[in-house]
C-alpha atoms as a PDB file:
ATOM      1  CA  MET A   1     -95.362 -92.727 -77.580  1.00  0.00           C
ATOM      2  CA  LEU A   2     -97.796 -89.936 -78.188  1.00  0.00           C
ATOM      3  CA  ARG A   3     -98.769 -88.823 -81.696  1.00  0.00           C
ATOM      4  CA  THR A   4    -100.689 -85.633 -82.403  1.00  0.00           C
ATOM      5  CA  ALA A   5    -102.568 -83.908 -85.182  1.00  0.00           C
ATOM      6  CA  GLU A   6    -104.534 -80.677 -85.332  1.00  0.00           C
ATOM      7  CA  ALA A   7    -107.649 -79.552 -87.147  1.00  0.00           C
ATOM      8  CA  GLU A   8    -109.271 -76.156 -87.394  1.00  0.00           C
ATOM      9  CA  TRP A   9    -112.677 -75.364 -88.874  1.00  0.00           C
ATOM     10  CA  LYS A  10    -114.018 -71.904 -89.668  1.00  0.00           C
ATOM     11  CA  GLY A  11    -117.647 -71.250 -90.511  1.00  0.00           C
ATOM     12  CA  ASN A  12    -120.720 -73.408 -90.816  1.00  0.00           C
ATOM     13  CA  LEU A  13    -120.734 -76.964 -92.122  1.00  0.00           C
ATOM     14  CA  LYS A  14    -121.536 -76.354 -95.796  1.00  0.00           C
ATOM     15  CA  GLU A  15    -119.690 -73.094 -96.511  1.00  0.00           C
ATOM     16  CA  GLY A  16    -116.941 -73.395 -93.930  1.00  0.00           C
ATOM     17  CA  LYS A  17    -113.354 -74.404 -94.539  1.00  0.00           C
ATOM     18  CA  GLY A  18    -110.811 -76.240 -92.471  1.00  0.00           C
ATOM     19  CA  SER A  19    -107.241 -77.405 -92.309  1.00  0.00           C
ATOM     20  CA  MET A  20    -105.566 -80.428 -90.802  1.00  0.00           C
ATOM     21  CA  LYS A  21    -101.932 -80.762 -89.818  1.00  0.00           C
ATOM     22  CA  LEU A  22     -99.888 -83.697 -88.577  1.00  0.00           C
ATOM     23  CA  GLY A  23     -97.791 -83.050 -85.490  1.00  0.00           C
ATOM     24  CA  SER A  24     -94.690 -84.301 -87.310  1.00  0.00           C
ATOM     25  CA  GLY A  25     -95.131 -81.654 -90.005  1.00  0.00           C
ATOM     26  CA  ALA A  26     -95.205 -84.332 -92.723  1.00  0.00           C
ATOM     27  CA  TYR A  27     -98.645 -83.230 -93.932  1.00  0.00           C
ATOM     28  CA  GLU A  28    -100.780 -80.125 -93.799  1.00  0.00           C
ATOM     29  CA  GLY A  29    -103.808 -79.572 -95.990  1.00  0.00           C
ATOM     30  CA  ALA A  30    -107.263 -78.181 -96.477  1.00  0.00           C
ATOM     31  CA  TYR A  31    -110.613 -79.897 -96.116  1.00  0.00           C
ATOM     32  CA  SER A  32    -114.175 -78.784 -96.681  1.00  0.00           C
ATOM     33  CA  PHE A  33    -117.752 -79.994 -96.927  1.00  0.00           C
ATOM     34  CA  GLN A  34    -117.124 -80.534-100.644  1.00  0.00           C
ATOM     35  CA  SER A  35    -113.955 -82.609-100.098  1.00  0.00           C
ATOM     36  CA  ARG A  36    -115.698 -84.749 -97.516  1.00  0.00           C
ATOM     37  CA  PHE A  37    -119.246 -85.215 -98.763  1.00  0.00           C
ATOM     38  CA  GLU A  38    -118.811 -84.515-102.485  1.00  0.00           C
ATOM     39  CA  ASN A  39    -115.754 -84.588-104.768  1.00  0.00           C
ATOM     40  CA  GLY A  40    -114.185 -81.210-104.092  1.00  0.00           C
ATOM     41  CA  PRO A  41    -110.478 -80.491-103.765  1.00  0.00           C
ATOM     42  CA  GLY A  42    -108.693 -81.222-100.509  1.00  0.00           C
ATOM     43  CA  THR A  43    -108.615 -84.155 -98.165  1.00  0.00           C
ATOM     44  CA  ASN A  44    -111.019 -85.475 -95.540  1.00  0.00           C
ATOM     45  CA  PRO A  45    -110.826 -87.445 -92.297  1.00  0.00           C
ATOM     46  CA  GLU A  46    -111.807 -90.706 -94.023  1.00  0.00           C
ATOM     47  CA  GLU A  47    -108.966 -90.418 -96.526  1.00  0.00           C
ATOM     48  CA  LEU A  48    -106.533 -89.952 -93.653  1.00  0.00           C
ATOM     49  CA  VAL A  49    -108.025 -93.003 -91.916  1.00  0.00           C
ATOM     50  CA  ALA A  50    -107.464 -94.959 -95.148  1.00  0.00           C
ATOM     51  CA  ALA A  51    -103.812 -93.858 -95.279  1.00  0.00           C
ATOM     52  CA  ALA A  52    -103.287 -94.776 -91.631  1.00  0.00           C
ATOM     53  CA  HIS A  53    -104.899 -98.187 -92.066  1.00  0.00           C
ATOM     54  CA  ALA A  54    -102.944 -99.013 -95.248  1.00  0.00           C
ATOM     55  CA  GLY A  55     -99.680 -97.989 -93.610  1.00  0.00           C
ATOM     56  CA  CYS A  56    -100.286 -99.813 -90.355  1.00  0.00           C
ATOM     57  CA  PHE A  57    -101.462-103.003 -92.040  1.00  0.00           C
ATOM     58  CA  SER A  58     -98.477-103.001 -94.436  1.00  0.00           C
ATOM     59  CA  MET A  59     -96.049-102.745 -91.526  1.00  0.00           C
ATOM     60  CA  ALA A  60     -97.849-105.427 -89.483  1.00  0.00           C
ATOM     61  CA  LEU A  61     -97.948-107.784 -92.460  1.00  0.00           C
ATOM     62  CA  SER A  62     -94.267-107.197 -93.243  1.00  0.00           C
ATOM     63  CA  ASN A  63     -93.374-108.017 -89.653  1.00  0.00           C
ATOM     64  CA  ASN A  64     -95.545-111.153 -89.571  1.00  0.00           C
ATOM     65  CA  LEU A  65     -94.096-112.360 -92.883  1.00  0.00           C
ATOM     66  CA  ALA A  66     -90.522-111.830 -91.664  1.00  0.00           C
ATOM     67  CA  GLN A  67     -91.272-113.695 -88.437  1.00  0.00           C
ATOM     68  CA  ALA A  68     -92.570-116.596 -90.555  1.00  0.00           C
ATOM     69  CA  GLY A  69     -89.292-116.637 -92.530  1.00  0.00           C
ATOM     70  CA  HIS A  70     -90.587-114.794 -95.618  1.00  0.00           C
ATOM     71  CA  THR A  71     -89.196-111.264 -95.426  1.00  0.00           C
ATOM     72  CA  PRO A  72     -91.099-109.404 -98.137  1.00  0.00           C
ATOM     73  CA  GLU A  73     -89.454-107.524-100.964  1.00  0.00           C
ATOM     74  CA  ARG A  74     -92.602-105.428-101.300  1.00  0.00           C
ATOM     75  CA  VAL A  75     -95.976-104.966 -99.584  1.00  0.00           C
ATOM     76  CA  HIS A  76     -98.409-102.592-101.304  1.00  0.00           C
ATOM     77  CA  THR A  77    -101.767-101.931 -99.642  1.00  0.00           C
ATOM     78  CA  THR A  78    -104.696 -99.785-100.696  1.00  0.00           C
ATOM     79  CA  ALA A  79    -107.394 -99.072 -98.116  1.00  0.00           C
ATOM     80  CA  LYS A  80    -110.809 -98.194 -99.511  1.00  0.00           C
ATOM     81  CA  VAL A  81    -112.992 -96.495 -96.916  1.00  0.00           C
ATOM     82  CA  ASP A  82    -116.737 -96.375 -97.551  1.00  0.00           C
ATOM     83  CA  PHE A  83    -118.325 -93.363 -95.886  1.00  0.00           C
ATOM     84  CA  GLY A  84    -122.077 -93.784 -95.500  1.00  0.00           C
ATOM     85  CA  ARG A  85    -124.851 -93.475 -92.964  1.00  0.00           C
ATOM     86  CA  ASP A  86    -126.676 -95.554 -90.429  1.00  0.00           C
ATOM     87  CA  ALA A  87    -129.716 -94.643 -88.337  1.00  0.00           C
ATOM     88  CA  THR A  88    -127.562 -92.404 -86.129  1.00  0.00           C
ATOM     89  CA  GLY A  89    -125.826 -90.478 -88.921  1.00  0.00           C
ATOM     90  CA  PRO A  90    -122.651 -90.458 -91.029  1.00  0.00           C
ATOM     91  CA  MET A  91    -120.164 -93.237 -90.387  1.00  0.00           C
ATOM     92  CA  ILE A  92    -117.477 -95.420 -91.917  1.00  0.00           C
ATOM     93  CA  THR A  93    -119.492 -98.422 -93.072  1.00  0.00           C
ATOM     94  CA  LYS A  94    -116.768-100.589 -94.617  1.00  0.00           C
ATOM     95  CA  ILE A  95    -113.035-100.746 -95.233  1.00  0.00           C
ATOM     96  CA  ASP A  96    -111.548-102.944 -97.954  1.00  0.00           C
ATOM     97  CA  LEU A  97    -107.837-103.631 -97.676  1.00  0.00           C
ATOM     98  CA  VAL A  98    -106.382-104.662-101.046  1.00  0.00           C
ATOM     99  CA  CYS A  99    -102.825-105.909-100.813  1.00  0.00           C
ATOM    100  CA  GLU A 100    -100.152-107.234-103.161  1.00  0.00           C
ATOM    101  CA  VAL A 101     -97.085-108.947-101.745  1.00  0.00           C
ATOM    102  CA  LYS A 102     -93.795-110.001-103.241  1.00  0.00           C
ATOM    103  CA  ALA A 103     -92.093-112.412-100.868  1.00  0.00           C
ATOM    104  CA  PRO A 104     -89.881-115.447-101.493  1.00  0.00           C
ATOM    105  CA  GLY A 105     -90.944-119.007-100.627  1.00  0.00           C
ATOM    106  CA  LEU A 106     -94.540-118.186 -99.841  1.00  0.00           C
ATOM    107  CA  ASP A 107     -97.756-119.673-101.220  1.00  0.00           C
ATOM    108  CA  GLN A 108    -101.175-118.027-101.394  1.00  0.00           C
ATOM    109  CA  ALA A 109    -102.660-120.037 -98.500  1.00  0.00           C
ATOM    110  CA  GLN A 110     -99.784-119.052 -96.192  1.00  0.00           C
ATOM    111  CA  LEU A 111    -100.076-115.431 -97.300  1.00  0.00           C
ATOM    112  CA  GLN A 112    -103.813-115.364 -96.581  1.00  0.00           C
ATOM    113  CA  GLU A 113    -103.324-116.825 -93.094  1.00  0.00           C
ATOM    114  CA  ILE A 114    -100.522-114.400 -92.232  1.00  0.00           C
ATOM    115  CA  GLY A 115    -102.499-111.517 -93.744  1.00  0.00           C
ATOM    116  CA  ASP A 116    -105.598-112.313 -91.713  1.00  0.00           C
ATOM    117  CA  LYS A 117    -103.511-112.270 -88.528  1.00  0.00           C
ATOM    118  CA  ALA A 118    -101.942-108.950 -89.494  1.00  0.00           C
ATOM    119  CA  LYS A 119    -105.382-107.451 -90.192  1.00  0.00           C
ATOM    120  CA  ALA A 120    -106.682-108.585 -86.804  1.00  0.00           C
ATOM    121  CA  GLY A 121    -103.610-107.413 -84.908  1.00  0.00           C
ATOM    122  CA  CYS A 122    -102.672-104.137 -86.557  1.00  0.00           C
ATOM    123  CA  PRO A 123    -103.291-101.265 -84.100  1.00  0.00           C
ATOM    124  CA  ILE A 124    -105.362 -99.264 -86.600  1.00  0.00           C
ATOM    125  CA  SER A 125    -107.603-102.281 -87.352  1.00  0.00           C
ATOM    126  CA  ARG A 126    -108.069-102.695 -83.627  1.00  0.00           C
ATOM    127  CA  ALA A 127    -108.877 -98.984 -83.213  1.00  0.00           C
ATOM    128  CA  LEU A 128    -111.450 -99.283 -86.012  1.00  0.00           C
ATOM    129  CA  ALA A 129    -113.263-102.227 -84.419  1.00  0.00           C
ATOM    130  CA  ALA A 130    -116.577-100.336 -84.599  1.00  0.00           C
ATOM    131  CA  VAL A 131    -116.491-100.418 -88.422  1.00  0.00           C
ATOM    132  CA  PRO A 132    -119.088-103.068 -89.381  1.00  0.00           C
ATOM    133  CA  THR A 133    -116.982-104.673 -92.130  1.00  0.00           C
ATOM    134  CA  ILE A 134    -113.237-104.759 -92.771  1.00  0.00           C
ATOM    135  CA  THR A 135    -112.218-107.065 -95.619  1.00  0.00           C
ATOM    136  CA  LEU A 136    -108.830-108.211 -96.901  1.00  0.00           C
ATOM    137  CA  SER A 137    -108.044-109.146-100.482  1.00  0.00           C
ATOM    138  CA  ILE A 138    -104.418-110.282-100.627  1.00  0.00           C
ATOM    139  CA  LYS A 139    -102.344-111.847-103.378  1.00  0.00           C
ATOM    140  CA  LEU A 140     -98.810-112.762-104.349  1.00  0.00           C
ATOM    141  CA  VAL A 141     -97.203-110.911-107.234  1.00  0.00           C
END
């Protein structure tokens, strides 16, 4: 399977404007210096990384739970991406996955173990291996 997305940028870094579009057509939107480095309107690459990570982890966790005999009624994940700097320049410094799960016959210890495996095995987590810290806070609801 091949997935695509496009981005176009016009102008210099601070005054320029851009747009990003998913190949599926499910999303198209603007981004700018202000939406990425300040709090301006529009999206940014890090927000899209957060969405991808939350979605991928939720699917991986759901699969792992079902394989363990605890098909979830609901998995809700928020990915919080910290965008900072190191000596080389801007980078994603940390991602916190915060997850709530409703699944029958499961205790917190089992959920944590299955969640940790899902975090390690989800393709987006694996693609983001260069991020210094990826944490998981997971609980039953």
